[in-house]
All heavy atoms as atom14 arrays in JSON, in Angstrom:
{
  "sequence": "IVVPDQRDVDSLEAQLKKVVGPRQISTLTSAQ",
  "atom14_mask": [
    [1, 1, 1, 1, 1, 1, 1, 1, 0, 0, 0, 0, 0, 0],
    [1, 1, 1, 1, 1, 1, 1, 0, 0, 0, 0, 0, 0, 0],
    [1, 1, 1, 1, 1, 1, 1, 0, 0, 0, 0, 0, 0, 0],
    [1, 1, 1, 1, 1, 1, 1, 0, 0, 0, 0, 0, 0, 0],
    [1, 1, 1, 1, 1, 1, 1, 1, 0, 0, 0, 0, 0, 0],
    [1, 1, 1, 1, 1, 1, 1, 1, 1, 0, 0, 0, 0, 0],
    [1, 1, 1, 1, 1, 1, 1, 1, 1, 1, 1, 0, 0, 0],
    [1, 1, 1, 1, 1, 1, 1, 1, 0, 0, 0, 0, 0, 0],
    [1, 1, 1, 1, 1, 1, 1, 0, 0, 0, 0, 0, 0, 0],
    [1, 1, 1, 1, 1, 1, 1, 1, 0, 0, 0, 0, 0, 0],
    [1, 1, 1, 1, 1, 1, 0, 0, 0, 0, 0, 0, 0, 0],
    [1, 1, 1, 1, 1, 1, 1, 1, 0, 0, 0, 0, 0, 0],
    [1, 1, 1, 1, 1, 1, 1, 1, 1, 0, 0, 0, 0, 0],
    [1, 1, 1, 1, 1, 0, 0, 0, 0, 0, 0, 0, 0, 0],
    [1, 1, 1, 1, 1, 1, 1, 1, 1, 0, 0, 0, 0, 0],
    [1, 1, 1, 1, 1, 1, 1, 1, 0, 0, 0, 0, 0, 0],
    [1, 1, 1, 1, 1, 1, 1, 1, 1, 0, 0, 0, 0, 0],
    [1, 1, 1, 1, 1, 1, 1, 1, 1, 0, 0, 0, 0, 0],
    [1, 1, 1, 1, 1, 1, 1, 0, 0, 0, 0, 0, 0, 0],
    [1, 1, 1, 1, 1, 1, 1, 0, 0, 0, 0, 0, 0, 0],
    [1, 1, 1, 1, 0, 0, 0, 0, 0, 0, 0, 0, 0, 0],
    [1, 1, 1, 1, 1, 1, 1, 0, 0, 0, 0, 0, 0, 0],
    [1, 1, 1, 1, 1, 1, 1, 1, 1, 1, 1, 0, 0, 0],
    [1, 1, 1, 1, 1, 1, 1, 1, 1, 0, 0, 0, 0, 0],
    [1, 1, 1, 1, 1, 1, 1, 1, 0, 0, 0, 0, 0, 0],
    [1, 1, 1, 1, 1, 1, 0, 0, 0, 0, 0, 0, 0, 0],
    [1, 1, 1, 1, 1, 1, 1, 0, 0, 0, 0, 0, 0, 0],
    [1, 1, 1, 1, 1, 1, 1, 1, 0, 0, 0, 0, 0, 0],
    [1, 1, 1, 1, 1, 1, 1, 0, 0, 0, 0, 0, 0, 0],
    [1, 1, 1, 1, 1, 1, 0, 0, 0, 0, 0, 0, 0, 0],
    [1, 1, 1, 1, 1, 0, 0, 0, 0, 0, 0, 0, 0, 0],
    [1, 1, 1, 1, 1, 1, 1, 1, 1, 0, 0, 0, 0, 0]
  ],
  "atom14_positions": [
    [[24.9, 22.3, 32.06], [25.89, 21.26, 31.76], [27.23, 21.93, 31.53], [27.35, 22.81, 30.67], [25.48, 20.45, 30.51], [24.04, 19.92, 30.66], [26.44, 19.3, 30.29], [23.4, 19.54, 29.35], [0.0, 0.0, 0.0], [0.0, 0.0, 0.0], [0.0, 0.0, 0.0], [0.0, 0.0, 0.0], [0.0, 0.0, 0.0], [0.0, 0.0, 0.0]],
    [[28.24, 21.51, 32.28], [29.59, 22.09, 32.18], [30.54, 21.0, 31.68], [30.58, 19.9, 32.23], [30.06, 22.64, 33.53], [31.47, 23.22, 33.42], [29.08, 23.69, 34.04], [0.0, 0.0, 0.0], [0.0, 0.0, 0.0], [0.0, 0.0, 0.0], [0.0, 0.0, 0.0], [0.0, 0.0, 0.0], [0.0, 0.0, 0.0], [0.0, 0.0, 0.0]],
    [[31.32, 21.34, 30.65], [32.27, 20.4, 30.05], [33.62, 21.09, 29.94], [33.73, 22.32, 30.03], [31.79, 19.94, 28.66], [30.53, 19.08, 28.79], [31.53, 21.13, 27.73], [0.0, 0.0, 0.0], [0.0, 0.0, 0.0], [0.0, 0.0, 0.0], [0.0, 0.0, 0.0], [0.0, 0.0, 0.0], [0.0, 0.0, 0.0], [0.0, 0.0, 0.0]],
    [[34.71, 20.33, 29.71], [36.05, 20.94, 29.77], [36.4, 21.86, 28.61], [37.13, 22.82, 28.79], [36.99, 19.72, 29.8], [36.15, 18.59, 30.26], [34.79, 18.86, 29.72], [0.0, 0.0, 0.0], [0.0, 0.0, 0.0], [0.0, 0.0, 0.0], [0.0, 0.0, 0.0], [0.0, 0.0, 0.0], [0.0, 0.0, 0.0], [0.0, 0.0, 0.0]],
    [[35.94, 21.56, 27.39], [36.44, 22.34, 26.25], [35.39, 22.48, 25.16], [34.29, 21.94, 25.23], [37.72, 21.7, 25.68], [37.54, 20.23, 25.34], [36.49, 19.87, 24.8], [38.46, 19.43, 25.63], [0.0, 0.0, 0.0], [0.0, 0.0, 0.0], [0.0, 0.0, 0.0], [0.0, 0.0, 0.0], [0.0, 0.0, 0.0], [0.0, 0.0, 0.0]],
    [[35.78, 23.23, 24.12], [34.86, 23.54, 23.03], [34.44, 22.29, 22.27], [33.3, 22.19, 21.78], [35.52, 24.54, 22.07], [34.61, 25.04, 20.96], [33.45, 25.87, 21.48], [33.66, 26.78, 22.29], [32.24, 25.6, 21.0], [0.0, 0.0, 0.0], [0.0, 0.0, 0.0], [0.0, 0.0, 0.0], [0.0, 0.0, 0.0], [0.0, 0.0, 0.0]],
    [[35.34, 21.31, 22.14], [34.97, 20.08, 21.44], [33.8, 19.4, 22.11], [32.88, 18.91, 21.45], [36.17, 19.12, 21.39], [37.32, 19.56, 20.52], [38.44, 18.54, 20.58], [38.05, 17.28, 19.95], [38.72, 16.14, 20.1], [39.76, 16.09, 20.9], [38.31, 15.06, 19.49], [0.0, 0.0, 0.0], [0.0, 0.0, 0.0], [0.0, 0.0, 0.0]],
    [[33.81, 19.36, 23.43], [32.71, 18.73, 24.16], [31.43, 19.55, 24.04], [30.33, 18.99, 23.97], [33.09, 18.55, 25.63], [34.19, 17.53, 25.83], [34.24, 16.56, 25.05], [35.0, 17.7, 26.76], [0.0, 0.0, 0.0], [0.0, 0.0, 0.0], [0.0, 0.0, 0.0], [0.0, 0.0, 0.0], [0.0, 0.0, 0.0], [0.0, 0.0, 0.0]],
    [[31.56, 20.88, 24.03], [30.39, 21.74, 23.83], [29.76, 21.43, 22.48], [28.54, 21.27, 22.36], [30.78, 23.23, 23.93], [29.6, 24.11, 23.5], [31.2, 23.57, 25.34], [0.0, 0.0, 0.0], [0.0, 0.0, 0.0], [0.0, 0.0, 0.0], [0.0, 0.0, 0.0], [0.0, 0.0, 0.0], [0.0, 0.0, 0.0], [0.0, 0.0, 0.0]],
    [[30.59, 21.35, 21.44], [30.08, 21.08, 20.09], [29.42, 19.71, 20.02], [28.37, 19.55, 19.38], [31.23, 21.16, 19.07], [31.81, 22.56, 18.96], [31.12, 23.52, 19.37], [32.95, 22.69, 18.49], [0.0, 0.0, 0.0], [0.0, 0.0, 0.0], [0.0, 0.0, 0.0], [0.0, 0.0, 0.0], [0.0, 0.0, 0.0], [0.0, 0.0, 0.0]],
    [[30.03, 18.71, 20.66], [29.47, 17.36, 20.65], [28.1, 17.33, 21.32], [27.14, 16.73, 20.81], [30.43, 16.4, 21.34], [29.89, 15.1, 21.42], [0.0, 0.0, 0.0], [0.0, 0.0, 0.0], [0.0, 0.0, 0.0], [0.0, 0.0, 0.0], [0.0, 0.0, 0.0], [0.0, 0.0, 0.0], [0.0, 0.0, 0.0], [0.0, 0.0, 0.0]],
    [[27.99, 17.97, 22.47], [26.73, 17.98, 23.19], [25.67, 18.8, 22.46], [24.49, 18.42, 22.4], [26.95, 18.54, 24.6], [25.75, 18.51, 25.55], [25.2, 17.1, 25.69], [26.16, 19.05, 26.91], [0.0, 0.0, 0.0], [0.0, 0.0, 0.0], [0.0, 0.0, 0.0], [0.0, 0.0, 0.0], [0.0, 0.0, 0.0], [0.0, 0.0, 0.0]],
    [[26.1, 19.91, 21.89], [25.15, 20.75, 21.15], [24.57, 20.0, 19.96], [23.37, 20.1, 19.66], [25.84, 22.04, 20.68], [24.9, 23.06, 20.09], [25.59, 24.37, 19.72], [26.83, 24.39, 19.69], [24.89, 25.35, 19.46], [0.0, 0.0, 0.0], [0.0, 0.0, 0.0], [0.0, 0.0, 0.0], [0.0, 0.0, 0.0], [0.0, 0.0, 0.0]],
    [[25.41, 19.2, 19.28], [24.92, 18.4, 18.15], [23.87, 17.39, 18.59], [22.87, 17.16, 17.89], [26.1, 17.69, 17.48], [0.0, 0.0, 0.0], [0.0, 0.0, 0.0], [0.0, 0.0, 0.0], [0.0, 0.0, 0.0], [0.0, 0.0, 0.0], [0.0, 0.0, 0.0], [0.0, 0.0, 0.0], [0.0, 0.0, 0.0], [0.0, 0.0, 0.0]],
    [[24.06, 16.78, 19.76], [23.08, 15.82, 20.26], [21.79, 16.53, 20.7], [20.69, 16.02, 20.49], [23.68, 15.05, 21.44], [24.8, 14.09, 21.05], [24.33, 13.0, 20.11], [23.24, 12.44, 20.26], [25.15, 12.68, 19.13], [0.0, 0.0, 0.0], [0.0, 0.0, 0.0], [0.0, 0.0, 0.0], [0.0, 0.0, 0.0], [0.0, 0.0, 0.0]],
    [[21.93, 17.7, 21.3], [20.74, 18.43, 21.74], [19.88, 18.86, 20.56], [18.63, 18.87, 20.64], [21.15, 19.65, 22.56], [21.58, 19.4, 24.0], [22.28, 20.62, 24.58], [20.37, 19.03, 24.86], [0.0, 0.0, 0.0], [0.0, 0.0, 0.0], [0.0, 0.0, 0.0], [0.0, 0.0, 0.0], [0.0, 0.0, 0.0], [0.0, 0.0, 0.0]],
    [[20.52, 19.2, 19.45], [19.77, 19.65, 18.27], [18.9, 18.55, 17.67], [18.01, 18.84, 16.86], [20.73, 20.19, 17.22], [21.32, 21.55, 17.57], [22.29, 22.03, 16.51], [22.86, 23.39, 16.88], [23.86, 23.86, 15.87], [0.0, 0.0, 0.0], [0.0, 0.0, 0.0], [0.0, 0.0, 0.0], [0.0, 0.0, 0.0], [0.0, 0.0, 0.0]],
    [[19.14, 17.31, 18.08], [18.29, 16.21, 17.6], [16.94, 16.19, 18.3], [16.0, 15.56, 17.79], [19.01, 14.88, 17.81], [20.29, 14.72, 16.99], [20.95, 13.38, 17.27], [22.23, 13.22, 16.46], [22.9, 11.92, 16.72], [0.0, 0.0, 0.0], [0.0, 0.0, 0.0], [0.0, 0.0, 0.0], [0.0, 0.0, 0.0], [0.0, 0.0, 0.0]],
    [[16.84, 16.85, 19.46], [15.59, 16.81, 20.22], [14.99, 18.18, 20.49], [13.8, 18.29, 20.8], [15.78, 16.05, 21.56], [15.93, 14.57, 21.31], [16.98, 16.58, 22.33], [0.0, 0.0, 0.0], [0.0, 0.0, 0.0], [0.0, 0.0, 0.0], [0.0, 0.0, 0.0], [0.0, 0.0, 0.0], [0.0, 0.0, 0.0], [0.0, 0.0, 0.0]],
    [[15.8, 19.25, 20.42], [15.27, 20.6, 20.63], [15.76, 21.5, 19.51], [16.7, 21.17, 18.77], [15.7, 21.19, 22.0], [15.19, 20.33, 23.14], [17.22, 21.34, 22.08], [0.0, 0.0, 0.0], [0.0, 0.0, 0.0], [0.0, 0.0, 0.0], [0.0, 0.0, 0.0], [0.0, 0.0, 0.0], [0.0, 0.0, 0.0], [0.0, 0.0, 0.0]],
    [[15.13, 22.65, 19.38], [15.53, 23.59, 18.35], [16.85, 24.27, 18.68], [17.2, 24.42, 19.86], [0.0, 0.0, 0.0], [0.0, 0.0, 0.0], [0.0, 0.0, 0.0], [0.0, 0.0, 0.0], [0.0, 0.0, 0.0], [0.0, 0.0, 0.0], [0.0, 0.0, 0.0], [0.0, 0.0, 0.0], [0.0, 0.0, 0.0], [0.0, 0.0, 0.0]],
    [[17.6, 24.72, 17.66], [18.9, 25.36, 17.9], [18.82, 26.57, 18.82], [19.71, 26.8, 19.63], [19.35, 25.76, 16.49], [18.62, 24.85, 15.57], [17.3, 24.58, 16.23], [0.0, 0.0, 0.0], [0.0, 0.0, 0.0], [0.0, 0.0, 0.0], [0.0, 0.0, 0.0], [0.0, 0.0, 0.0], [0.0, 0.0, 0.0], [0.0, 0.0, 0.0]],
    [[17.74, 27.33, 18.74], [17.6, 28.53, 19.58], [17.22, 28.18, 21.01], [17.23, 29.05, 21.89], [16.56, 29.48, 18.99], [16.96, 30.08, 17.64], [15.88, 31.02, 17.14], [15.68, 32.14, 18.05], [14.56, 32.85, 18.12], [13.52, 32.53, 17.36], [14.46, 33.87, 18.96], [0.0, 0.0, 0.0], [0.0, 0.0, 0.0], [0.0, 0.0, 0.0]],
    [[16.86, 26.92, 21.25], [16.52, 26.49, 22.6], [17.75, 26.03, 23.38], [17.63, 25.59, 24.51], [15.48, 25.37, 22.53], [14.13, 25.85, 22.02], [13.14, 24.71, 21.89], [13.44, 23.66, 21.32], [11.94, 24.91, 22.42], [0.0, 0.0, 0.0], [0.0, 0.0, 0.0], [0.0, 0.0, 0.0], [0.0, 0.0, 0.0], [0.0, 0.0, 0.0]],
    [[18.91, 26.14, 22.75], [20.18, 25.77, 23.39], [21.0, 27.03, 23.59], [21.23, 27.79, 22.63], [20.98, 24.77, 22.52], [20.1, 23.57, 22.14], [22.23, 24.3, 23.25], [20.68, 22.75, 21.01], [0.0, 0.0, 0.0], [0.0, 0.0, 0.0], [0.0, 0.0, 0.0], [0.0, 0.0, 0.0], [0.0, 0.0, 0.0], [0.0, 0.0, 0.0]],
    [[21.45, 27.27, 24.79], [22.3, 28.43, 25.07], [23.69, 27.94, 25.46], [23.83, 27.15, 26.39], [21.72, 29.28, 26.21], [20.47, 29.82, 25.84], [0.0, 0.0, 0.0], [0.0, 0.0, 0.0], [0.0, 0.0, 0.0], [0.0, 0.0, 0.0], [0.0, 0.0, 0.0], [0.0, 0.0, 0.0], [0.0, 0.0, 0.0], [0.0, 0.0, 0.0]],
    [[24.7, 28.42, 24.74], [26.08, 28.03, 25.04], [26.82, 29.22, 25.63], [26.6, 30.37, 25.24], [26.81, 27.54, 23.79], [26.8, 28.56, 22.78], [26.15, 26.28, 23.23], [0.0, 0.0, 0.0], [0.0, 0.0, 0.0], [0.0, 0.0, 0.0], [0.0, 0.0, 0.0], [0.0, 0.0, 0.0], [0.0, 0.0, 0.0], [0.0, 0.0, 0.0]],
    [[27.7, 28.93, 26.59], [28.52, 29.96, 27.23], [29.97, 29.48, 27.21], [30.33, 28.56, 27.96], [28.07, 30.2, 28.66], [26.86, 31.09, 28.9], [26.44, 31.05, 30.36], [27.16, 32.53, 28.49], [0.0, 0.0, 0.0], [0.0, 0.0, 0.0], [0.0, 0.0, 0.0], [0.0, 0.0, 0.0], [0.0, 0.0, 0.0], [0.0, 0.0, 0.0]],
    [[30.79, 30.07, 26.36], [32.19, 29.68, 26.26], [33.06, 30.92, 26.1], [32.58, 32.01, 25.76], [32.45, 28.75, 25.07], [32.29, 29.48, 23.85], [31.46, 27.58, 25.06], [0.0, 0.0, 0.0], [0.0, 0.0, 0.0], [0.0, 0.0, 0.0], [0.0, 0.0, 0.0], [0.0, 0.0, 0.0], [0.0, 0.0, 0.0], [0.0, 0.0, 0.0]],
    [[34.36, 30.75, 26.32], [35.3, 31.86, 26.19], [35.51, 32.27, 24.74], [36.02, 33.35, 24.46], [36.65, 31.47, 26.8], [37.18, 30.32, 26.16], [0.0, 0.0, 0.0], [0.0, 0.0, 0.0], [0.0, 0.0, 0.0], [0.0, 0.0, 0.0], [0.0, 0.0, 0.0], [0.0, 0.0, 0.0], [0.0, 0.0, 0.0], [0.0, 0.0, 0.0]],
    [[35.12, 31.4, 23.78], [35.29, 31.72, 22.37], [34.29, 32.75, 21.88], [34.47, 33.33, 20.81], [35.19, 30.44, 21.53], [0.0, 0.0, 0.0], [0.0, 0.0, 0.0], [0.0, 0.0, 0.0], [0.0, 0.0, 0.0], [0.0, 0.0, 0.0], [0.0, 0.0, 0.0], [0.0, 0.0, 0.0], [0.0, 0.0, 0.0], [0.0, 0.0, 0.0]],
    [[33.24, 32.99, 22.64], [32.21, 33.94, 22.22], [32.65, 35.37, 22.5], [33.43, 35.63, 23.41], [30.9, 33.64, 22.96], [30.3, 32.29, 22.62], [29.22, 31.88, 23.59], [29.15, 32.37, 24.72], [28.36, 30.96, 23.17], [0.0, 0.0, 0.0], [0.0, 0.0, 0.0], [0.0, 0.0, 0.0], [0.0, 0.0, 0.0], [0.0, 0.0, 0.0]]
  ]
}
């Protein structure tokens, strides 16, 4: 899933954490 900015990454990550574990989500952003 590709989104324009960090705000969208955070929003999607919050929704994913409702159904999968935090370690089951991998994020790739320039802030890392």
